[in-house]
Amino acid sequence: MNFGDSKVKIFIYANDHPPPHCHVIINKVETRVILPTLEILSGPKLTKEALDLLLEKLDDLCDTFDHYNPKKHLE
């Protein structure tokens, strides 16, 4: 599921591993971000634009991770 825009792409994958996270891609470079804390799991620091978009979509991102990855935050 893609939550981004033309510059910042934010993905949630089904059957993904814990902790709850999303994949943020900017200029073909990926950063994995823990939800809901927005701590960087791996990859480079995010731009202000990306952080603003994550904050705007945070509730939807968390709900979507839980929907496609039930109980993965408990593992």
N, C-alpha and C. Protein backbone atom coordinates (compact mmCIF):
# COMPACT_ATOMS: atom_id res chain seq x y z
N MET A 1 0.85 -1.16 0.00
CA MET A 1 0.00 0.00 0.00
C MET A 1 0.90 1.23 0.00
N ASN A 2 0.67 2.14 -0.94
CA ASN A 2 1.48 3.35 -1.09
C ASN A 2 0.75 4.55 -0.51
N PHE A 3 1.42 5.28 0.38
CA PHE A 3 0.85 6.45 1.02
C PHE A 3 1.56 7.74 0.61
N GLY A 4 2.50 7.67 -0.30
CA GLY A 4 3.32 8.82 -0.62
C GLY A 4 2.77 9.71 -1.70
N ASP A 5 3.66 10.52 -2.23
CA ASP A 5 3.34 11.40 -3.33
C ASP A 5 4.39 11.20 -4.42
N SER A 6 4.55 12.14 -5.32
CA SER A 6 5.47 11.94 -6.44
C SER A 6 6.94 11.96 -6.02
N LYS A 7 7.29 12.64 -4.93
CA LYS A 7 8.68 12.72 -4.48
C LYS A 7 9.01 11.72 -3.38
N VAL A 8 8.06 11.51 -2.50
CA VAL A 8 8.25 10.63 -1.34
C VAL A 8 7.26 9.48 -1.46
N LYS A 9 7.77 8.27 -1.48
CA LYS A 9 6.91 7.09 -1.56
C LYS A 9 6.98 6.37 -0.21
N ILE A 10 5.81 6.05 0.34
CA ILE A 10 5.73 5.36 1.62
C ILE A 10 4.95 4.08 1.41
N PHE A 11 5.57 2.95 1.75
CA PHE A 11 4.96 1.65 1.53
C PHE A 11 4.81 0.88 2.83
N ILE A 12 3.72 0.11 2.90
CA ILE A 12 3.50 -0.90 3.93
C ILE A 12 3.37 -2.23 3.18
N TYR A 13 4.09 -3.24 3.62
CA TYR A 13 4.03 -4.54 2.96
C TYR A 13 3.29 -5.55 3.83
N ALA A 14 2.53 -6.42 3.19
CA ALA A 14 1.86 -7.51 3.89
C ALA A 14 2.88 -8.56 4.31
N ASN A 15 2.59 -9.24 5.40
CA ASN A 15 3.46 -10.30 5.93
C ASN A 15 4.88 -9.82 6.18
N ASP A 16 5.01 -8.59 6.64
CA ASP A 16 6.32 -8.02 6.95
C ASP A 16 6.70 -8.40 8.38
N HIS A 17 7.94 -8.22 8.72
CA HIS A 17 8.48 -8.60 10.02
C HIS A 17 8.27 -7.48 11.04
N PRO A 18 8.28 -7.82 12.34
CA PRO A 18 8.24 -6.78 13.36
C PRO A 18 9.61 -6.07 13.43
N PRO A 19 9.69 -4.92 14.01
CA PRO A 19 8.62 -4.14 14.61
C PRO A 19 7.77 -3.49 13.52
N PRO A 20 6.59 -2.97 13.89
CA PRO A 20 5.77 -2.26 12.91
C PRO A 20 6.58 -1.14 12.27
N HIS A 21 6.57 -1.09 10.95
CA HIS A 21 7.37 -0.10 10.25
C HIS A 21 6.82 0.16 8.85
N CYS A 22 7.34 1.20 8.24
CA CYS A 22 7.02 1.48 6.85
C CYS A 22 8.33 1.68 6.09
N HIS A 23 8.23 1.64 4.79
CA HIS A 23 9.37 1.83 3.90
C HIS A 23 9.19 3.16 3.19
N VAL A 24 10.13 4.06 3.38
CA VAL A 24 10.08 5.38 2.75
C VAL A 24 11.15 5.43 1.67
N ILE A 25 10.75 5.74 0.45
CA ILE A 25 11.69 5.79 -0.67
C ILE A 25 11.71 7.19 -1.26
N ILE A 26 12.91 7.75 -1.28
CA ILE A 26 13.13 9.08 -1.86
C ILE A 26 14.30 8.94 -2.83
N ASN A 27 14.07 9.28 -4.09
CA ASN A 27 15.13 9.17 -5.11
C ASN A 27 15.77 7.78 -5.14
N LYS A 28 14.94 6.74 -5.05
CA LYS A 28 15.37 5.34 -5.12
C LYS A 28 16.19 4.89 -3.92
N VAL A 29 16.21 5.68 -2.83
CA VAL A 29 16.92 5.33 -1.61
C VAL A 29 15.89 5.04 -0.52
N GLU A 30 16.02 3.86 0.11
CA GLU A 30 15.01 3.42 1.08
C GLU A 30 15.46 3.65 2.52
N THR A 31 14.51 4.10 3.33
CA THR A 31 14.68 4.20 4.78
C THR A 31 13.50 3.47 5.40
N ARG A 32 13.78 2.60 6.36
CA ARG A 32 12.71 1.91 7.08
C ARG A 32 12.49 2.65 8.39
N VAL A 33 11.23 2.95 8.69
CA VAL A 33 10.87 3.80 9.82
C VAL A 33 9.90 3.05 10.73
N ILE A 34 10.22 2.98 12.03
CA ILE A 34 9.38 2.30 13.01
C ILE A 34 8.13 3.13 13.26
N LEU A 35 6.99 2.43 13.33
CA LEU A 35 5.71 3.06 13.62
C LEU A 35 5.29 2.73 15.05
N PRO A 36 4.79 3.63 15.82
CA PRO A 36 4.47 5.02 15.52
C PRO A 36 5.56 6.02 15.93
N THR A 37 6.71 5.55 16.39
CA THR A 37 7.72 6.46 16.95
C THR A 37 8.47 7.27 15.89
N LEU A 38 8.46 6.78 14.65
CA LEU A 38 9.19 7.38 13.52
C LEU A 38 10.71 7.32 13.71
N GLU A 39 11.16 6.38 14.53
CA GLU A 39 12.59 6.12 14.69
C GLU A 39 13.10 5.42 13.43
N ILE A 40 14.30 5.77 12.99
CA ILE A 40 14.89 5.14 11.81
C ILE A 40 15.34 3.73 12.17
N LEU A 41 14.83 2.74 11.45
CA LEU A 41 15.22 1.35 11.62
C LEU A 41 16.46 1.07 10.78
N SER A 42 16.47 1.58 9.56
CA SER A 42 17.65 1.46 8.70
C SER A 42 17.54 2.50 7.59
N GLY A 43 18.68 2.90 7.07
CA GLY A 43 18.70 3.85 5.97
C GLY A 43 19.04 5.26 6.42
N PRO A 44 19.10 6.16 5.45
CA PRO A 44 19.51 7.54 5.75
C PRO A 44 18.41 8.35 6.43
N LYS A 45 18.83 9.45 7.02
CA LYS A 45 17.92 10.40 7.66
C LYS A 45 16.90 10.89 6.64
N LEU A 46 15.67 11.13 7.10
CA LEU A 46 14.61 11.58 6.22
C LEU A 46 14.60 13.09 6.06
N THR A 47 14.06 13.53 4.95
CA THR A 47 13.89 14.96 4.70
C THR A 47 12.72 15.49 5.53
N LYS A 48 12.66 16.79 5.70
CA LYS A 48 11.53 17.41 6.41
C LYS A 48 10.22 17.08 5.70
N GLU A 49 10.25 17.11 4.39
CA GLU A 49 9.05 16.79 3.60
C GLU A 49 8.56 15.38 3.92
N ALA A 50 9.47 14.42 3.99
CA ALA A 50 9.10 13.04 4.29
C ALA A 50 8.56 12.91 5.71
N LEU A 51 9.22 13.56 6.67
CA LEU A 51 8.74 13.51 8.06
C LEU A 51 7.36 14.13 8.19
N ASP A 52 7.14 15.25 7.52
CA ASP A 52 5.82 15.89 7.56
C ASP A 52 4.75 14.97 6.99
N LEU A 53 5.07 14.28 5.89
CA LEU A 53 4.12 13.36 5.28
C LEU A 53 3.85 12.17 6.20
N LEU A 54 4.88 11.65 6.85
CA LEU A 54 4.70 10.55 7.80
C LEU A 54 3.79 10.97 8.96
N LEU A 55 4.01 12.16 9.49
CA LEU A 55 3.19 12.65 10.58
C LEU A 55 1.73 12.82 10.15
N GLU A 56 1.55 13.32 8.95
CA GLU A 56 0.20 13.52 8.40
C GLU A 56 -0.54 12.19 8.24
N LYS A 57 0.18 11.15 7.86
CA LYS A 57 -0.43 9.84 7.55
C LYS A 57 -0.25 8.82 8.66
N LEU A 58 0.29 9.22 9.81
CA LEU A 58 0.71 8.27 10.84
C LEU A 58 -0.40 7.31 11.28
N ASP A 59 -1.58 7.82 11.58
CA ASP A 59 -2.67 6.93 12.02
C ASP A 59 -3.02 5.90 10.94
N ASP A 60 -3.11 6.34 9.70
CA ASP A 60 -3.41 5.42 8.59
C ASP A 60 -2.30 4.39 8.40
N LEU A 61 -1.05 4.82 8.55
CA LEU A 61 0.08 3.89 8.40
C LEU A 61 0.03 2.82 9.49
N CYS A 62 -0.20 3.22 10.73
CA CYS A 62 -0.26 2.25 11.83
C CYS A 62 -1.42 1.28 11.63
N ASP A 63 -2.58 1.80 11.26
CA ASP A 63 -3.75 0.94 11.03
C ASP A 63 -3.50 -0.04 9.88
N THR A 64 -2.86 0.44 8.82
CA THR A 64 -2.60 -0.41 7.66
C THR A 64 -1.58 -1.49 7.99
N PHE A 65 -0.51 -1.15 8.74
CA PHE A 65 0.44 -2.18 9.13
C PHE A 65 -0.27 -3.26 9.94
N ASP A 66 -1.10 -2.86 10.92
CA ASP A 66 -1.82 -3.83 11.73
C ASP A 66 -2.79 -4.68 10.91
N HIS A 67 -3.42 -4.06 9.92
CA HIS A 67 -4.36 -4.79 9.06
C HIS A 67 -3.65 -5.87 8.24
N TYR A 68 -2.53 -5.52 7.63
CA TYR A 68 -1.82 -6.46 6.75
C TYR A 68 -0.82 -7.34 7.48
N ASN A 69 -0.56 -7.02 8.74
CA ASN A 69 0.41 -7.79 9.53
C ASN A 69 -0.14 -8.01 10.93
N PRO A 70 -1.28 -8.71 11.03
CA PRO A 70 -1.89 -8.88 12.35
C PRO A 70 -0.95 -9.57 13.35
N LYS A 71 -0.89 -8.96 14.51
CA LYS A 71 -0.11 -9.50 15.64
C LYS A 71 1.40 -9.47 15.41
N LYS A 72 1.89 -8.85 14.34
CA LYS A 72 3.34 -8.79 14.12
C LYS A 72 4.03 -7.90 15.13
N HIS A 73 3.33 -6.94 15.71
CA HIS A 73 3.96 -6.09 16.72
C HIS A 73 4.13 -6.81 18.04
N LEU A 74 3.52 -7.99 18.18
CA LEU A 74 3.63 -8.75 19.41
C LEU A 74 4.77 -9.76 19.38
N GLU A 75 5.35 -9.99 18.23
CA GLU A 75 6.41 -11.02 18.11
C GLU A 75 7.72 -10.51 18.64
